[in-house]
């Protein structure tokens, strides 16, 4: 039969593990939010790049590129 001290030790470890699990879950949620934000920004940049390429190929350049480029 387990002793009172061993039960307290197990309960203490369980409490620490529950706390750690909650902390890790918060980190994962925060990282997912950052990934979602970055995905939205990436899509916006891709759309903008496609617009610029489409504008350049149809002759709608805003400024002439110097010959040394």
Protein backbone atom coordinates (compact mmCIF):
# COMPACT_ATOMS: atom_id res chain seq x y z
CA UNK A 1 0.00 0.00 0.00
CA UNK A 2 1.39 3.43 -0.93
CA UNK A 3 2.45 5.69 1.87
CA UNK A 4 1.04 9.14 2.44
CA UNK A 5 4.37 10.70 1.37
CA UNK A 6 4.42 8.79 -1.91
CA UNK A 7 0.84 9.89 -2.68
CA UNK A 8 1.77 13.50 -1.99
CA UNK A 9 4.78 13.14 -4.28
CA UNK A 10 2.62 11.72 -7.08
CA UNK A 11 0.02 14.47 -6.62
CA UNK A 12 2.77 17.11 -6.68
CA UNK A 13 4.24 15.69 -9.90
CA UNK A 14 0.77 15.57 -11.44
CA UNK A 15 0.16 19.20 -10.55
CA UNK A 16 3.47 20.22 -12.16
CA UNK A 17 2.66 18.20 -15.28
CA UNK A 18 -0.79 19.78 -15.56
CA UNK A 19 0.80 23.23 -15.25
CA UNK A 20 3.43 22.38 -17.85
CA UNK A 21 0.81 21.01 -20.22
CA UNK A 22 -1.22 24.21 -19.90
CA UNK A 23 1.89 26.33 -20.54
CA UNK A 24 2.82 24.27 -23.59
CA UNK A 25 -0.74 24.51 -24.91
CA UNK A 26 -0.58 28.30 -24.58
CA UNK A 27 2.69 28.35 -26.53
CA UNK A 28 1.23 26.20 -29.30
CA UNK A 29 -1.88 28.40 -29.52
CA UNK A 30 0.24 31.56 -29.68
CA UNK A 31 2.45 30.03 -32.38
CA UNK A 32 -0.61 29.00 -34.40
CA UNK A 33 -1.91 32.56 -34.23
CA UNK A 34 1.46 33.82 -35.47
CA UNK A 35 1.42 31.28 -38.31
CA UNK A 36 -2.09 32.36 -39.28
CA UNK A 37 -1.05 36.04 -39.31
CA UNK A 38 2.05 35.27 -41.38
CA UNK A 39 -0.03 33.23 -43.83
CA UNK A 40 -2.39 36.18 -44.38
CA UNK A 41 0.56 38.52 -44.94
CA UNK A 42 2.21 36.06 -47.32
CA UNK A 43 -0.97 35.73 -49.38
CA UNK A 44 -1.21 39.51 -49.55
CA UNK A 45 2.41 39.79 -50.71
CA UNK A 46 1.85 37.06 -53.31
CA UNK A 47 -1.19 38.86 -54.67
CA UNK A 48 0.71 42.15 -54.79
CA UNK A 49 3.67 40.51 -56.57
CA UNK A 50 1.30 38.94 -59.10
CA UNK A 51 -0.30 42.35 -59.72
CA UNK A 52 3.12 43.92 -60.25
CA UNK A 53 4.16 41.17 -62.66
CA UNK A 54 0.88 41.44 -64.54
CA UNK A 55 1.22 45.24 -64.72
CA UNK A 56 4.80 45.00 -65.96
CA UNK A 57 4.03 42.42 -68.62
CA UNK A 58 1.12 44.47 -69.99
CA UNK A 59 3.29 47.58 -70.35
CA UNK A 60 1.94 49.46 -67.35
CA UNK A 61 5.27 50.21 -65.71
CA UNK A 62 5.24 53.07 -63.25
CA UNK A 63 8.88 53.98 -63.69
CA UNK A 64 11.53 53.12 -66.22
CA UNK A 65 14.27 50.85 -64.85
CA UNK A 66 17.74 52.37 -65.37
CA UNK A 67 19.89 50.47 -67.87
CA UNK A 68 22.56 49.52 -65.31
CA UNK A 69 20.06 47.15 -63.57
